[in-house]
Amino acid sequence: MPEPHEILAGLDAIATGWWPLAVFWHACFGVAAFALFAGWRPSERLAGTLAAMPLLSVAIIAWLASNPFNGLIFTTLAVVLSGLAWSASGGGSVSCGRAP
């Protein structure tokens, strides 16, 4: 088992080395928030798939950085969320608590 300072050093290297990807995902979240406030309502499948994409990118980076714990956790989260999204009814849209 690695020492805590080794784990933190590895996570720091990931955070500083992959900052352009973090900026990209934050911009995507901003665009999605704007679209939701503007009235866009994605289907449940699309919403779940889009929500799983950042988790999958974290998983890929974790595996590339030889971080199997985070790789396994985030891969599992991405697969489970994608599976839930694809098992949802395809026609429904996410309502965010508003009346139709």
PDB file of N, CA and C in Angstrom:
ATOM      1  N   MET A   1       0.849  -1.182   0.000  1.00  0.00           N
ATOM      2  CA  MET A   1       0.000   0.000   0.000  1.00  0.00           C
ATOM      3  C   MET A   1       0.892   1.242   0.000  1.00  0.00           C
ATOM      4  N   PRO A   2       0.600   2.193  -0.896  1.00  0.00           N
ATOM      5  CA  PRO A   2       1.416   3.407  -0.937  1.00  0.00           C
ATOM      6  C   PRO A   2       1.194   4.273   0.299  1.00  0.00           C
ATOM      7  N   GLU A   3       2.200   5.041   0.598  1.00  0.00           N
ATOM      8  CA  GLU A   3       2.117   5.985   1.713  1.00  0.00           C
ATOM      9  C   GLU A   3       1.159   7.134   1.333  1.00  0.00           C
ATOM     10  N   PRO A   4       0.553   7.780   2.340  1.00  0.00           N
ATOM     11  CA  PRO A   4      -0.376   8.880   2.041  1.00  0.00           C
ATOM     12  C   PRO A   4       0.229   9.996   1.195  1.00  0.00           C
ATOM     13  N   HIS A   5       1.501  10.333   1.451  1.00  0.00           N
ATOM     14  CA  HIS A   5       2.104  11.410   0.660  1.00  0.00           C
ATOM     15  C   HIS A   5       2.298  10.990  -0.795  1.00  0.00           C
ATOM     16  N   GLU A   6       2.507   9.694  -1.049  1.00  0.00           N
ATOM     17  CA  GLU A   6       2.620   9.207  -2.425  1.00  0.00           C
ATOM     18  C   GLU A   6       1.271   9.282  -3.140  1.00  0.00           C
ATOM     19  N   ILE A   7       0.217   8.951  -2.431  1.00  0.00           N
ATOM     20  CA  ILE A   7      -1.122   9.039  -3.011  1.00  0.00           C
ATOM     21  C   ILE A   7      -1.449  10.483  -3.355  1.00  0.00           C
ATOM     22  N   LEU A   8      -1.183  11.392  -2.409  1.00  0.00           N
ATOM     23  CA  LEU A   8      -1.453  12.804  -2.653  1.00  0.00           C
ATOM     24  C   LEU A   8      -0.603  13.365  -3.787  1.00  0.00           C
ATOM     25  N   ALA A   9       0.638  12.932  -3.871  1.00  0.00           N
ATOM     26  CA  ALA A   9       1.503  13.392  -4.964  1.00  0.00           C
ATOM     27  C   ALA A   9       0.957  12.924  -6.315  1.00  0.00           C
ATOM     28  N   GLY A  10       0.476  11.691  -6.371  1.00  0.00           N
ATOM     29  CA  GLY A  10      -0.110  11.175  -7.604  1.00  0.00           C
ATOM     30  C   GLY A  10      -1.373  11.926  -7.999  1.00  0.00           C
ATOM     31  N   LEU A  11      -2.233  12.205  -7.019  1.00  0.00           N
ATOM     32  CA  LEU A  11      -3.454  12.961  -7.300  1.00  0.00           C
ATOM     33  C   LEU A  11      -3.137  14.393  -7.720  1.00  0.00           C
ATOM     34  N   ASP A  12      -2.117  14.980  -7.106  1.00  0.00           N
ATOM     35  CA  ASP A  12      -1.694  16.324  -7.491  1.00  0.00           C
ATOM     36  C   ASP A  12      -1.175  16.337  -8.928  1.00  0.00           C
ATOM     37  N   ALA A  13      -0.422  15.309  -9.294  1.00  0.00           N
ATOM     38  CA  ALA A  13       0.098  15.220 -10.663  1.00  0.00           C
ATOM     39  C   ALA A  13      -1.043  15.099 -11.668  1.00  0.00           C
ATOM     40  N   ILE A  14      -2.073  14.343 -11.326  1.00  0.00           N
ATOM     41  CA  ILE A  14      -3.233  14.204 -12.211  1.00  0.00           C
ATOM     42  C   ILE A  14      -3.942  15.548 -12.345  1.00  0.00           C
ATOM     43  N   ALA A  15      -4.171  16.219 -11.206  1.00  0.00           N
ATOM     44  CA  ALA A  15      -4.903  17.483 -11.228  1.00  0.00           C
ATOM     45  C   ALA A  15      -4.170  18.557 -12.013  1.00  0.00           C
ATOM     46  N   THR A  16      -2.857  18.625 -11.865  1.00  0.00           N
ATOM     47  CA  THR A  16      -2.107  19.656 -12.587  1.00  0.00           C
ATOM     48  C   THR A  16      -1.853  19.274 -14.038  1.00  0.00           C
ATOM     49  N   GLY A  17      -1.721  18.003 -14.313  1.00  0.00           N
ATOM     50  CA  GLY A  17      -1.442  17.568 -15.676  1.00  0.00           C
ATOM     51  C   GLY A  17      -2.658  17.530 -16.581  1.00  0.00           C
ATOM     52  N   TRP A  18      -3.838  17.379 -16.011  1.00  0.00           N
ATOM     53  CA  TRP A  18      -5.054  17.240 -16.804  1.00  0.00           C
ATOM     54  C   TRP A  18      -5.997  18.434 -16.630  1.00  0.00           C
ATOM     55  N   TRP A  19      -5.477  19.590 -16.252  1.00  0.00           N
ATOM     56  CA  TRP A  19      -6.340  20.751 -16.032  1.00  0.00           C
ATOM     57  C   TRP A  19      -7.116  21.174 -17.281  1.00  0.00           C
ATOM     58  N   PRO A  20      -6.587  21.021 -18.510  1.00  0.00           N
ATOM     59  CA  PRO A  20      -7.415  21.402 -19.671  1.00  0.00           C
ATOM     60  C   PRO A  20      -8.706  20.567 -19.768  1.00  0.00           C
ATOM     61  N   LEU A  21      -8.619  19.296 -19.393  1.00  0.00           N
ATOM     62  CA  LEU A  21      -9.817  18.463 -19.409  1.00  0.00           C
ATOM     63  C   LEU A  21     -10.805  18.930 -18.341  1.00  0.00           C
ATOM     64  N   ALA A  22     -10.297  19.345 -17.195  1.00  0.00           N
ATOM     65  CA  ALA A  22     -11.167  19.877 -16.137  1.00  0.00           C
ATOM     66  C   ALA A  22     -11.866  21.147 -16.609  1.00  0.00           C
ATOM     67  N   VAL A  23     -11.155  22.013 -17.313  1.00  0.00           N
ATOM     68  CA  VAL A  23     -11.758  23.230 -17.851  1.00  0.00           C
ATOM     69  C   VAL A  23     -12.847  22.870 -18.858  1.00  0.00           C
ATOM     70  N   PHE A  24     -12.572  21.875 -19.701  1.00  0.00           N
ATOM     71  CA  PHE A  24     -13.559  21.421 -20.682  1.00  0.00           C
ATOM     72  C   PHE A  24     -14.835  20.952 -19.996  1.00  0.00           C
ATOM     73  N   TRP A  25     -14.705  20.097 -18.970  1.00  0.00           N
ATOM     74  CA  TRP A  25     -15.896  19.571 -18.289  1.00  0.00           C
ATOM     75  C   TRP A  25     -16.648  20.669 -17.559  1.00  0.00           C
ATOM     76  N   HIS A  26     -15.932  21.620 -16.968  1.00  0.00           N
ATOM     77  CA  HIS A  26     -16.622  22.729 -16.310  1.00  0.00           C
ATOM     78  C   HIS A  26     -17.377  23.578 -17.330  1.00  0.00           C
ATOM     79  N   ALA A  27     -16.800  23.785 -18.502  1.00  0.00           N
ATOM     80  CA  ALA A  27     -17.500  24.521 -19.559  1.00  0.00           C
ATOM     81  C   ALA A  27     -18.741  23.749 -20.010  1.00  0.00           C
ATOM     82  N   CYS A  28     -18.616  22.436 -20.133  1.00  0.00           N
ATOM     83  CA  CYS A  28     -19.777  21.614 -20.510  1.00  0.00           C
ATOM     84  C   CYS A  28     -20.885  21.714 -19.474  1.00  0.00           C
ATOM     85  N   PHE A  29     -20.523  21.688 -18.197  1.00  0.00           N
ATOM     86  CA  PHE A  29     -21.526  21.830 -17.145  1.00  0.00           C
ATOM     87  C   PHE A  29     -22.194  23.203 -17.219  1.00  0.00           C
ATOM     88  N   GLY A  30     -21.417  24.234 -17.521  1.00  0.00           N
ATOM     89  CA  GLY A  30     -21.987  25.568 -17.667  1.00  0.00           C
ATOM     90  C   GLY A  30     -22.969  25.646 -18.818  1.00  0.00           C
ATOM     91  N   VAL A  31     -22.599  25.068 -19.950  1.00  0.00           N
ATOM     92  CA  VAL A  31     -23.495  25.047 -21.111  1.00  0.00           C
ATOM     93  C   VAL A  31     -24.764  24.251 -20.786  1.00  0.00           C
ATOM     94  N   ALA A  32     -24.598  23.106 -20.120  1.00  0.00           N
ATOM     95  CA  ALA A  32     -25.760  22.287 -19.760  1.00  0.00           C
ATOM     96  C   ALA A  32     -26.673  23.032 -18.791  1.00  0.00           C
ATOM     97  N   ALA A  33     -26.100  23.717 -17.815  1.00  0.00           N
ATOM     98  CA  ALA A  33     -26.917  24.486 -16.863  1.00  0.00           C
ATOM     99  C   ALA A  33     -27.677  25.597 -17.588  1.00  0.00           C
ATOM    100  N   PHE A  34     -27.012  26.287 -18.490  1.00  0.00           N
ATOM    101  CA  PHE A  34     -27.676  27.331 -19.267  1.00  0.00           C
ATOM    102  C   PHE A  34     -28.819  26.743 -20.087  1.00  0.00           C
ATOM    103  N   ALA A  35     -28.556  25.606 -20.746  1.00  0.00           N
ATOM    104  CA  ALA A  35     -29.591  24.964 -21.563  1.00  0.00           C
ATOM    105  C   ALA A  35     -30.775  24.525 -20.710  1.00  0.00           C
ATOM    106  N   LEU A  36     -30.503  23.986 -19.526  1.00  0.00           N
ATOM    107  CA  LEU A  36     -31.598  23.574 -18.638  1.00  0.00           C
ATOM    108  C   LEU A  36     -32.423  24.775 -18.188  1.00  0.00           C
ATOM    109  N   PHE A  37     -31.766  25.875 -17.830  1.00  0.00           N
ATOM    110  CA  PHE A  37     -32.491  27.077 -17.428  1.00  0.00           C
ATOM    111  C   PHE A  37     -33.266  27.679 -18.593  1.00  0.00           C
ATOM    112  N   ALA A  38     -32.792  27.446 -19.809  1.00  0.00           N
ATOM    113  CA  ALA A  38     -33.471  27.949 -20.999  1.00  0.00           C
ATOM    114  C   ALA A  38     -34.648  27.076 -21.414  1.00  0.00           C
ATOM    115  N   GLY A  39     -34.824  25.935 -20.735  1.00  0.00           N
ATOM    116  CA  GLY A  39     -35.987  25.095 -21.018  1.00  0.00           C
ATOM    117  C   GLY A  39     -35.705  23.757 -21.670  1.00  0.00           C
ATOM    118  N   TRP A  40     -34.462  23.454 -21.975  1.00  0.00           N
ATOM    119  CA  TRP A  40     -34.133  22.167 -22.598  1.00  0.00           C
ATOM    120  C   TRP A  40     -34.330  21.054 -21.584  1.00  0.00           C
ATOM    121  N   ARG A  41     -35.026  20.010 -21.977  1.00  0.00           N
ATOM    122  CA  ARG A  41     -35.251  18.853 -21.122  1.00  0.00           C
ATOM    123  C   ARG A  41     -34.827  17.596 -21.869  1.00  0.00           C
ATOM    124  N   PRO A  42     -33.638  17.061 -21.550  1.00  0.00           N
ATOM    125  CA  PRO A  42     -33.172  15.849 -22.250  1.00  0.00           C
ATOM    126  C   PRO A  42     -33.967  14.631 -21.807  1.00  0.00           C
ATOM    127  N   SER A  43     -33.941  13.596 -22.636  1.00  0.00           N
ATOM    128  CA  SER A  43     -34.558  12.340 -22.230  1.00  0.00           C
ATOM    129  C   SER A  43     -33.769  11.758 -21.063  1.00  0.00           C
ATOM    130  N   GLU A  44     -34.378  10.820 -20.365  1.00  0.00           N
ATOM    131  CA  GLU A  44     -33.689  10.198 -19.236  1.00  0.00           C
ATOM    132  C   GLU A  44     -32.417   9.489 -19.693  1.00  0.00           C
ATOM    133  N   ARG A  45     -32.480   8.840 -20.853  1.00  0.00           N
ATOM    134  CA  ARG A  45     -31.295   8.145 -21.380  1.00  0.00           C
ATOM    135  C   ARG A  45     -30.173   9.124 -21.684  1.00  0.00           C
ATOM    136  N   LEU A  46     -30.523  10.215 -22.347  1.00  0.00           N
ATOM    137  CA  LEU A  46     -29.496  11.187 -22.703  1.00  0.00           C
ATOM    138  C   LEU A  46     -28.911  11.844 -21.453  1.00  0.00           C
ATOM    139  N   ALA A  47     -29.766  12.195 -20.498  1.00  0.00           N
ATOM    140  CA  ALA A  47     -29.290  12.829 -19.265  1.00  0.00           C
ATOM    141  C   ALA A  47     -28.344  11.894 -18.509  1.00  0.00           C
ATOM    142  N   GLY A  48     -28.711  10.622 -18.394  1.00  0.00           N
ATOM    143  CA  GLY A  48     -27.855   9.671 -17.693  1.00  0.00           C
ATOM    144  C   GLY A  48     -26.546   9.417 -18.415  1.00  0.00           C
ATOM    145  N   THR A  49     -26.618   9.331 -19.736  1.00  0.00           N
ATOM    146  CA  THR A  49     -25.401   9.111 -20.522  1.00  0.00           C
ATOM    147  C   THR A  49     -24.469  10.310 -20.426  1.00  0.00           C
ATOM    148  N   LEU A  50     -25.031  11.509 -20.518  1.00  0.00           N
ATOM    149  CA  LEU A  50     -24.197  12.710 -20.391  1.00  0.00           C
ATOM    150  C   LEU A  50     -23.595  12.834 -18.995  1.00  0.00           C
ATOM    151  N   ALA A  51     -24.340  12.422 -17.981  1.00  0.00           N
ATOM    152  CA  ALA A  51     -23.815  12.477 -16.602  1.00  0.00           C
ATOM    153  C   ALA A  51     -22.710  11.450 -16.382  1.00  0.00           C
ATOM    154  N   ALA A  52     -22.739  10.348 -17.119  1.00  0.00           N
ATOM    155  CA  ALA A  52     -21.727   9.304 -16.962  1.00  0.00           C
ATOM    156  C   ALA A  52     -20.411   9.654 -17.662  1.00  0.00           C
ATOM    157  N   MET A  53     -20.446  10.525 -18.641  1.00  0.00           N
ATOM    158  CA  MET A  53     -19.237  10.829 -19.407  1.00  0.00           C
ATOM    159  C   MET A  53     -18.102  11.412 -18.569  1.00  0.00           C
ATOM    160  N   PRO A  54     -18.352  12.387 -17.681  1.00  0.00           N
ATOM    161  CA  PRO A  54     -17.234  12.875 -16.849  1.00  0.00           C
ATOM    162  C   PRO A  54     -16.677  11.781 -15.936  1.00  0.00           C
ATOM    163  N   LEU A  55     -17.550  10.916 -15.428  1.00  0.00           N
ATOM    164  CA  LEU A  55     -17.078   9.810 -14.585  1.00  0.00           C
ATOM    165  C   LEU A  55     -16.176   8.878 -15.380  1.00  0.00           C
ATOM    166  N   LEU A  56     -16.559   8.618 -16.617  1.00  0.00           N
ATOM    167  CA  LEU A  56     -15.738   7.755 -17.463  1.00  0.00           C
ATOM    168  C   LEU A  56     -14.387   8.398 -17.759  1.00  0.00           C
ATOM    169  N   SER A  57     -14.364   9.715 -17.968  1.00  0.00           N
ATOM    170  CA  SER A  57     -13.075  10.363 -18.225  1.00  0.00           C
ATOM    171  C   SER A  57     -12.175  10.311 -16.990  1.00  0.00           C
ATOM    172  N   VAL A  58     -12.761  10.450 -15.804  1.00  0.00           N
ATOM    173  CA  VAL A  58     -11.977  10.311 -14.573  1.00  0.00           C
ATOM    174  C   VAL A  58     -11.423   8.892 -14.471  1.00  0.00           C
ATOM    175  N   ALA A  59     -12.254   7.904 -14.809  1.00  0.00           N
ATOM    176  CA  ALA A  59     -11.811   6.510 -14.750  1.00  0.00           C
ATOM    177  C   ALA A  59     -10.644   6.265 -15.700  1.00  0.00           C
ATOM    178  N   ILE A  60     -10.752   6.771 -16.917  1.00  0.00           N
ATOM    179  CA  ILE A  60      -9.684   6.570 -17.906  1.00  0.00           C
ATOM    180  C   ILE A  60      -8.384   7.201 -17.427  1.00  0.00           C
ATOM    181  N   ILE A  61      -8.476   8.421 -16.912  1.00  0.00           N
ATOM    182  CA  ILE A  61      -7.271   9.101 -16.426  1.00  0.00           C
ATOM    183  C   ILE A  61      -6.680   8.357 -15.237  1.00  0.00           C
ATOM    184  N   ALA A  62      -7.535   7.864 -14.353  1.00  0.00           N
ATOM    185  CA  ALA A  62      -7.035   7.105 -13.198  1.00  0.00           C
ATOM    186  C   ALA A  62      -6.281   5.862 -13.654  1.00  0.00           C
ATOM    187  N   TRP A  63      -6.825   5.140 -14.630  1.00  0.00           N
ATOM    188  CA  TRP A  63      -6.127   3.949 -15.129  1.00  0.00           C
ATOM    189  C   TRP A  63      -4.807   4.335 -15.786  1.00  0.00           C
ATOM    190  N   LEU A  64      -4.822   5.428 -16.574  1.00  0.00           N
ATOM    191  CA  LEU A  64      -3.575   5.879 -17.221  1.00  0.00           C
ATOM    192  C   LEU A  64      -2.519   6.296 -16.205  1.00  0.00           C
ATOM    193  N   ALA A  65      -2.968   6.812 -15.055  1.00  0.00           N
ATOM    194  CA  ALA A  65      -2.049   7.274 -14.023  1.00  0.00           C
ATOM    195  C   ALA A  65      -1.695   6.171 -13.028  1.00  0.00           C
ATOM    196  N   SER A  66      -2.030   4.935 -13.353  1.00  0.00           N
ATOM    197  CA  SER A  66      -1.747   3.783 -12.478  1.00  0.00           C
ATOM    198  C   SER A  66      -2.369   3.950 -11.095  1.00  0.00           C
ATOM    199  N   ASN A  67      -3.630   4.379 -11.094  1.00  0.00           N
ATOM    200  CA  ASN A  67      -4.387   4.530  -9.863  1.00  0.00           C
ATOM    201  C   ASN A  67      -5.574   3.570  -9.934  1.00  0.00           C
ATOM    202  N   PRO A  68      -5.338   2.276  -9.635  1.00  0.00           N
ATOM    203  CA  PRO A  68      -6.390   1.279  -9.854  1.00  0.00           C
ATOM    204  C   PRO A  68      -7.607   1.459  -8.950  1.00  0.00           C
ATOM    205  N   PHE A  69      -7.440   1.973  -7.743  1.00  0.00           N
ATOM    206  CA  PHE A  69      -8.592   2.147  -6.863  1.00  0.00           C
ATOM    207  C   PHE A  69      -9.587   3.133  -7.471  1.00  0.00           C
ATOM    208  N   ASN A  70      -9.111   4.338  -7.802  1.00  0.00           N
ATOM    209  CA  ASN A  70     -10.000   5.322  -8.419  1.00  0.00           C
ATOM    210  C   ASN A  70     -10.478   4.851  -9.785  1.00  0.00           C
ATOM    211  N   GLY A  71      -9.614   4.175 -10.526  1.00  0.00           N
ATOM    212  CA  GLY A  71     -10.023   3.645 -11.813  1.00  0.00           C
ATOM    213  C   GLY A  71     -11.191   2.687 -11.691  1.00  0.00           C
ATOM    214  N   LEU A  72     -11.110   1.782 -10.739  1.00  0.00           N
ATOM    215  CA  LEU A  72     -12.182   0.803 -10.541  1.00  0.00           C
ATOM    216  C   LEU A  72     -13.460   1.468 -10.048  1.00  0.00           C
ATOM    217  N   ILE A  73     -13.341   2.357  -9.081  1.00  0.00           N
ATOM    218  CA  ILE A  73     -14.524   3.024  -8.529  1.00  0.00           C
ATOM    219  C   ILE A  73     -15.235   3.844  -9.602  1.00  0.00           C
ATOM    220  N   PHE A  74     -14.496   4.664 -10.338  1.00  0.00           N
ATOM    221  CA  PHE A  74     -15.133   5.526 -11.330  1.00  0.00           C
ATOM    222  C   PHE A  74     -15.596   4.758 -12.559  1.00  0.00           C
ATOM    223  N   THR A  75     -14.915   3.669 -12.912  1.00  0.00           N
ATOM    224  CA  THR A  75     -15.410   2.812 -13.989  1.00  0.00           C
ATOM    225  C   THR A  75     -16.738   2.199 -13.582  1.00  0.00           C
ATOM    226  N   THR A  76     -16.810   1.701 -12.360  1.00  0.00           N
ATOM    227  CA  THR A  76     -18.045   1.105 -11.866  1.00  0.00           C
ATOM    228  C   THR A  76     -19.174   2.132 -11.841  1.00  0.00           C
ATOM    229  N   LEU A  77     -18.891   3.331 -11.327  1.00  0.00           N
ATOM    230  CA  LEU A  77     -19.917   4.376 -11.294  1.00  0.00           C
ATOM    231  C   LEU A  77     -20.416   4.730 -12.695  1.00  0.00           C
ATOM    232  N   ALA A  78     -19.509   4.853 -13.646  1.00  0.00           N
ATOM    233  CA  ALA A  78     -19.892   5.201 -15.015  1.00  0.00           C
ATOM    234  C   ALA A  78     -20.733   4.099 -15.642  1.00  0.00           C
ATOM    235  N   VAL A  79     -20.348   2.849 -15.429  1.00  0.00           N
ATOM    236  CA  VAL A  79     -21.097   1.727 -16.001  1.00  0.00           C
ATOM    237  C   VAL A  79     -22.482   1.614 -15.370  1.00  0.00           C
ATOM    238  N   VAL A  80     -22.550   1.755 -14.049  1.00  0.00           N
ATOM    239  CA  VAL A  80     -23.845   1.664 -13.367  1.00  0.00           C
ATOM    240  C   VAL A  80     -24.765   2.800 -13.815  1.00  0.00           C
ATOM    241  N   LEU A  81     -24.258   4.016 -13.862  1.00  0.00           N
ATOM    242  CA  LEU A  81     -25.084   5.147 -14.286  1.00  0.00           C
ATOM    243  C   LEU A  81     -25.534   4.985 -15.731  1.00  0.00           C
ATOM    244  N   SER A  82     -24.642   4.533 -16.596  1.00  0.00           N
ATOM    245  CA  SER A  82     -25.022   4.295 -17.994  1.00  0.00           C
ATOM    246  C   SER A  82     -26.077   3.192 -18.086  1.00  0.00           C
ATOM    247  N   GLY A  83     -25.888   2.140 -17.312  1.00  0.00           N
ATOM    248  CA  GLY A  83     -26.866   1.054 -17.311  1.00  0.00           C
ATOM    249  C   GLY A  83     -28.229   1.513 -16.834  1.00  0.00           C
ATOM    250  N   LEU A  84     -28.260   2.314 -15.787  1.00  0.00           N
ATOM    251  CA  LEU A  84     -29.533   2.851 -15.302  1.00  0.00           C
ATOM    252  C   LEU A  84     -30.176   3.754 -16.345  1.00  0.00           C
ATOM    253  N   ALA A  85     -29.356   4.551 -17.008  1.00  0.00           N
ATOM    254  CA  ALA A  85     -29.882   5.454 -18.031  1.00  0.00           C
ATOM    255  C   ALA A  85     -30.478   4.674 -19.190  1.00  0.00           C
ATOM    256  N   TRP A  86     -29.814   3.631 -19.616  1.00  0.00           N
ATOM    257  CA  TRP A  86     -30.289   2.869 -20.766  1.00  0.00           C
ATOM    258  C   TRP A  86     -31.422   1.928 -20.420  1.00  0.00           C
ATOM    259  N   SER A  87     -31.605   1.634 -19.137  1.00  0.00           N
ATOM    260  CA  SER A  87     -32.752   0.812 -18.755  1.00  0.00           C
ATOM    261  C   SER A  87     -33.988   1.667 -18.500  1.00  0.00           C
ATOM    262  N   ALA A  88     -33.811   2.983 -18.450  1.00  0.00           N
ATOM    263  CA  ALA A  88     -34.939   3.898 -18.268  1.00  0.00           C
ATOM    264  C   ALA A  88     -35.767   3.929 -19.542  1.00  0.00           C
ATOM    265  N   SER A  89     -36.983   4.380 -19.391  1.00  0.00           N
ATOM    266  CA  SER A  89     -37.826   4.508 -20.578  1.00  0.00           C
ATOM    267  C   SER A  89     -37.196   5.535 -21.504  1.00  0.00           C
ATOM    268  N   GLY A  90     -37.174   5.225 -22.770  1.00  0.00           N
ATOM    269  CA  GLY A  90     -36.491   6.079 -23.738  1.00  0.00           C
ATOM    270  C   GLY A  90     -37.187   7.379 -24.040  1.00  0.00           C
ATOM    271  N   GLY A  91     -38.502   7.455 -23.848  1.00  0.00           N
ATOM    272  CA  GLY A  91     -39.227   8.639 -24.264  1.00  0.00           C
ATOM    273  C   GLY A  91     -39.369   9.705 -23.204  1.00  0.00           C
ATOM    274  N   GLY A  92     -39.154   9.352 -21.952  1.00  0.00           N
ATOM    275  CA  GLY A  92     -39.369  10.324 -20.882  1.00  0.00           C
ATOM    276  C   GLY A  92     -38.323  11.407 -20.880  1.00  0.00           C
ATOM    277  N   SER A  93     -38.701  12.556 -20.371  1.00  0.00           N
ATOM    278  CA  SER A  93     -37.726  13.626 -20.234  1.00  0.00           C
ATOM    279  C   SER A  93     -37.587  13.962 -18.765  1.00  0.00           C
ATOM    280  N   VAL A  94     -36.456  14.506 -18.418  1.00  0.00           N
ATOM    281  CA  VAL A  94     -36.173  14.875 -17.043  1.00  0.00           C
ATOM    282  C   VAL A  94     -36.903  16.169 -16.756  1.00  0.00           C
ATOM    283  N   SER A  95     -37.740  16.188 -15.721  1.00  0.00           N
ATOM    284  CA  SER A  95     -38.597  17.351 -15.505  1.00  0.00           C
ATOM    285  C   SER A  95     -38.028  18.340 -14.499  1.00  0.00           C
ATOM    286  N   CYS A  96     -37.077  17.942 -13.681  1.00  0.00           N
ATOM    287  CA  CYS A  96     -36.474  18.826 -12.672  1.00  0.00           C
ATOM    288  C   CYS A  96     -37.505  19.390 -11.710  1.00  0.00           C
ATOM    289  N   GLY A  97     -38.580  18.631 -11.447  1.00  0.00           N
ATOM    290  CA  GLY A  97     -39.556  19.019 -10.447  1.00  0.00           C
ATOM    291  C   GLY A  97     -40.629  19.984 -10.915  1.00  0.00           C
ATOM    292  N   ARG A  98     -40.637  20.361 -12.168  1.00  0.00           N
ATOM    293  CA  ARG A  98     -41.663  21.265 -12.686  1.00  0.00           C
ATOM    294  C   ARG A  98     -42.849  20.455 -13.198  1.00  0.00           C
ATOM    295  N   ALA A  99     -44.012  21.056 -13.147  1.00  0.00           N
ATOM    296  CA  ALA A  99     -45.194  20.429 -13.710  1.00  0.00           C
ATOM    297  C   ALA A  99     -45.111  20.488 -15.230  1.00  0.00           C
ATOM    298  N   PRO A 100     -45.603  19.471 -15.930  1.00  0.00           N
ATOM    299  CA  PRO A 100     -45.518  19.464 -17.397  1.00  0.00           C
ATOM    300  C   PRO A 100     -46.368  20.516 -18.046  1.00  0.00           C
TER     301      PRO A 100
END
